[in-house]
Amino acid sequence: MAYLSYLDLPPDAHFGGHLIAVAGYDSTSNHVLIADIEPKMTGVKTGHFYTLPLERLSEARDSKHQPFPPKNQWFTFDFSNTQRPDRAAICEAIEQNVQAMLNPPIKNFGVAGIHTAIARIRKWPQLLDDQTLRAALFNVYVYSEIGGTGSGLFRYMYSRFLAEATEITGNAKLNAASEAISHAPSTGAH
């Protein structure tokens, strides 16, 4: 993320799991048009377009920094044959999400990740001095409430998905889940 200069992050702020969309390319200036989040925003996340030199995008995509180096991955989407999802597709998507949350590839993701975080955070007062503890807690706040996706993007996206799924499936329980997710405090458990 540190290579994405429009985010104005410190030079050591690397995270290869951040996703962006390249929306265009200008060959005369050798810049790409990037769709990404508003970096200084709080609350519900919104997106904006930014220009970025192709060289910086290349550095970001080829970053070797941990965690999750991006390994030059990209996804290409073709929406020419899209169709409205049916009940079966909605149920399959929800099942895949449930399985990913219950059976994560590493213990830092999904439900196991929540439990891992709880266990580790409870040890912080014994491991960290007051100043470091305050900084660590502030970072948790920043990355879960302001700069990250913890309280905003994913929760609201999934809430909207469940609301739309209610209309398609006719299952009112999905709407109740949508409402609970939408209004859930990010620091509390539901």
Protein backbone atom coordinates (compact mmCIF):
# COMPACT_ATOMS: atom_id res chain seq x y z
CA MET A 1 0.00 0.00 0.00
CA ALA A 2 2.90 2.37 0.64
CA TYR A 3 3.61 2.45 -3.12
CA LEU A 4 0.14 3.86 -3.79
CA SER A 5 1.21 7.47 -3.31
CA TYR A 6 -2.33 8.89 -3.29
CA LEU A 7 -2.93 7.09 0.05
CA ASP A 8 -0.19 9.23 1.62
CA LEU A 9 1.00 6.40 3.89
CA PRO A 10 4.36 6.07 5.65
CA PRO A 11 7.01 4.32 3.52
CA ASP A 12 6.82 1.16 5.66
CA ALA A 13 3.01 0.79 5.56
CA HIS A 14 2.84 -2.34 3.44
CA PHE A 15 -0.12 -4.65 3.04
CA GLY A 16 -0.45 -6.73 -0.11
CA GLY A 17 -4.06 -7.68 0.53
CA HIS A 18 -5.37 -4.22 -0.43
CA LEU A 19 -7.33 -4.40 -3.68
CA ILE A 20 -7.78 -1.64 -6.22
CA ALA A 21 -9.33 -1.39 -9.66
CA VAL A 22 -7.42 -0.02 -12.64
CA ALA A 23 -10.06 1.88 -14.57
CA GLY A 24 -7.92 3.30 -17.37
CA TYR A 25 -4.48 3.96 -18.81
CA ASP A 26 -3.01 7.06 -20.49
CA SER A 27 -0.09 6.01 -22.71
CA THR A 28 1.07 9.59 -23.28
CA SER A 29 1.65 10.28 -19.57
CA ASN A 30 2.24 6.61 -18.61
CA HIS A 31 -0.31 6.93 -15.78
CA VAL A 32 -3.14 4.64 -14.73
CA LEU A 33 -6.52 5.66 -13.40
CA ILE A 34 -7.15 3.87 -10.10
CA ALA A 35 -10.47 3.35 -8.31
CA ASP A 36 -9.85 3.06 -4.56
CA ILE A 37 -11.16 4.14 -1.16
CA GLU A 38 -10.98 7.67 0.19
CA PRO A 39 -7.91 7.38 2.45
CA LYS A 40 -8.73 10.11 4.99
CA MET A 41 -12.37 9.23 5.48
CA THR A 42 -14.14 7.93 8.56
CA GLY A 43 -17.45 6.11 8.73
CA VAL A 44 -18.90 4.39 5.67
CA LYS A 45 -16.22 4.08 3.01
CA THR A 46 -16.62 5.67 -0.39
CA GLY A 47 -14.42 5.45 -3.43
CA HIS A 48 -12.63 7.91 -5.64
CA PHE A 49 -10.46 7.90 -8.76
CA TYR A 50 -6.76 8.68 -8.58
CA THR A 51 -3.96 8.86 -11.12
CA LEU A 52 -0.81 6.92 -10.44
CA PRO A 53 2.38 6.52 -12.47
CA LEU A 54 2.52 3.07 -14.02
CA GLU A 55 5.91 2.57 -12.36
CA ARG A 56 4.38 2.98 -8.88
CA LEU A 57 1.61 0.50 -9.73
CA SER A 58 4.28 -1.94 -10.90
CA GLU A 59 6.20 -1.50 -7.61
CA ALA A 60 3.02 -2.10 -5.61
CA ARG A 61 2.07 -5.22 -7.56
CA ASP A 62 5.61 -6.65 -7.31
CA SER A 63 6.14 -5.77 -3.64
CA LYS A 64 7.85 -8.49 -1.60
CA HIS A 65 6.78 -6.96 1.74
CA GLN A 66 4.89 -9.07 4.26
CA PRO A 67 2.13 -9.74 5.06
CA PHE A 68 0.58 -11.08 1.88
CA PRO A 69 2.88 -9.95 -0.93
CA PRO A 70 0.60 -9.44 -3.95
CA LYS A 71 2.75 -11.60 -6.28
CA ASN A 72 1.67 -9.53 -9.30
CA GLN A 73 -1.83 -10.97 -9.14
CA TRP A 74 -4.63 -9.36 -11.05
CA PHE A 75 -8.21 -10.19 -11.82
CA THR A 76 -9.90 -9.42 -15.11
CA PHE A 77 -13.67 -9.17 -15.13
CA ASP A 78 -15.89 -9.67 -18.14
CA PHE A 79 -19.46 -8.59 -17.42
CA SER A 80 -20.77 -9.11 -20.95
CA ASN A 81 -22.65 -12.31 -20.04
CA THR A 82 -23.80 -11.37 -16.56
CA GLN A 83 -27.18 -12.45 -15.35
CA ARG A 84 -29.20 -11.81 -12.24
CA PRO A 85 -28.30 -14.38 -9.56
CA ASP A 86 -31.00 -16.89 -8.71
CA ARG A 87 -31.92 -18.45 -5.37
CA ALA A 88 -29.45 -21.34 -5.82
CA ALA A 89 -26.52 -18.99 -6.56
CA ILE A 90 -27.37 -16.84 -3.52
CA CYS A 91 -27.50 -19.87 -1.22
CA GLU A 92 -24.20 -21.18 -2.62
CA ALA A 93 -22.52 -17.80 -2.06
CA ILE A 94 -23.72 -17.67 1.54
CA GLU A 95 -22.55 -21.26 2.13
CA GLN A 96 -19.10 -20.42 0.71
CA ASN A 97 -18.87 -17.41 3.02
CA VAL A 98 -19.88 -19.49 6.04
CA GLN A 99 -17.29 -22.15 5.20
CA ALA A 100 -14.57 -19.52 4.75
CA MET A 101 -15.38 -18.01 8.14
CA LEU A 102 -15.52 -21.38 9.92
CA ASN A 103 -12.60 -23.06 8.11
CA PRO A 104 -10.02 -20.34 7.38
CA PRO A 105 -6.67 -21.17 5.75
CA ILE A 106 -4.81 -19.68 8.75
CA LYS A 107 -5.86 -19.00 12.32
CA ASN A 108 -5.77 -15.22 11.79
CA PHE A 109 -8.82 -15.26 9.49
CA GLY A 110 -12.50 -15.91 10.06
CA VAL A 111 -13.98 -16.88 13.40
CA ALA A 112 -10.65 -18.41 14.44
CA GLY A 113 -9.03 -15.02 13.71
CA ILE A 114 -11.46 -13.28 16.04
CA HIS A 115 -10.54 -15.70 18.82
CA THR A 116 -6.82 -15.35 18.04
CA ALA A 117 -7.09 -11.56 18.23
CA ILE A 118 -8.98 -11.71 21.52
CA ALA A 119 -6.37 -13.99 23.08
CA ARG A 120 -3.45 -11.87 21.89
CA ILE A 121 -4.95 -8.52 22.84
CA ARG A 122 -5.68 -9.73 26.37
CA LYS A 123 -1.91 -10.32 26.80
CA TRP A 124 -0.92 -6.84 25.64
CA PRO A 125 -1.04 -5.14 29.08
CA GLN A 126 1.54 -7.63 30.38
CA LEU A 127 3.73 -7.46 27.27
CA LEU A 128 3.72 -3.75 26.43
CA ASP A 129 4.62 -0.60 28.30
CA ASP A 130 1.90 2.07 28.60
CA GLN A 131 3.04 4.14 25.63
CA THR A 132 3.34 1.11 23.33
CA LEU A 133 -0.02 -0.24 24.53
CA ARG A 134 -1.70 3.08 23.77
CA ALA A 135 -0.12 3.14 20.31
CA ALA A 136 -1.18 -0.46 19.63
CA LEU A 137 -4.76 0.23 20.70
CA PHE A 138 -4.82 3.39 18.61
CA ASN A 139 -3.63 1.37 15.59
CA VAL A 140 -6.42 -1.16 16.16
CA TYR A 141 -8.87 1.73 16.20
CA VAL A 142 -7.44 3.29 13.04
CA TYR A 143 -7.36 0.07 11.04
CA SER A 144 -10.77 -1.15 12.17
CA GLU A 145 -12.67 2.14 12.25
CA ILE A 146 -10.99 4.71 10.01
CA GLY A 147 -8.37 3.45 7.57
CA GLY A 148 -9.25 -0.19 7.25
CA THR A 149 -12.27 -2.16 6.23
CA GLY A 150 -13.16 -3.62 9.61
CA SER A 151 -16.08 -1.40 10.51
CA GLY A 152 -17.07 -0.18 7.13
CA LEU A 153 -16.63 -1.67 3.76
CA PHE A 154 -16.99 -5.44 4.20
CA ARG A 155 -19.70 -5.25 6.83
CA TYR A 156 -21.82 -2.82 4.80
CA MET A 157 -21.23 -4.70 1.56
CA TYR A 158 -22.35 -7.97 3.10
CA SER A 159 -25.35 -6.29 4.70
CA ARG A 160 -26.44 -4.92 1.31
CA PHE A 161 -25.84 -8.34 -0.27
CA LEU A 162 -28.14 -9.98 2.30
CA ALA A 163 -30.82 -7.30 1.76
CA GLU A 164 -30.75 -7.94 -2.00
CA ALA A 165 -30.67 -11.70 -1.36
CA THR A 166 -33.89 -11.35 0.64
CA GLU A 167 -35.67 -9.98 -2.42
CA ILE A 168 -34.38 -12.78 -4.64
CA THR A 169 -34.89 -15.69 -2.26
CA GLY A 170 -37.93 -14.47 -0.33
CA ASN A 171 -36.16 -15.52 2.89
CA ALA A 172 -36.97 -12.90 5.54
CA LYS A 173 -34.23 -14.25 7.85
CA LEU A 174 -31.64 -12.84 5.43
CA ASN A 175 -33.13 -9.36 5.86
CA ALA A 176 -32.99 -9.72 9.65
CA ALA A 177 -29.32 -10.71 9.33
CA SER A 178 -28.73 -7.73 7.02
CA GLU A 179 -30.20 -5.35 9.60
CA ALA A 180 -28.17 -6.89 12.44
CA ILE A 181 -24.92 -6.63 10.46
CA SER A 182 -25.64 -3.10 9.30
CA HIS A 183 -26.28 -1.82 12.81
CA ALA A 184 -23.76 -3.94 14.69
CA PRO A 185 -21.05 -1.97 16.47
CA SER A 186 -17.70 -3.07 15.09
CA THR A 187 -16.29 -3.45 18.58
CA GLY A 188 -19.11 -5.66 19.86
CA ALA A 189 -20.00 -9.24 19.12
CA HIS A 190 -23.35 -10.33 17.69
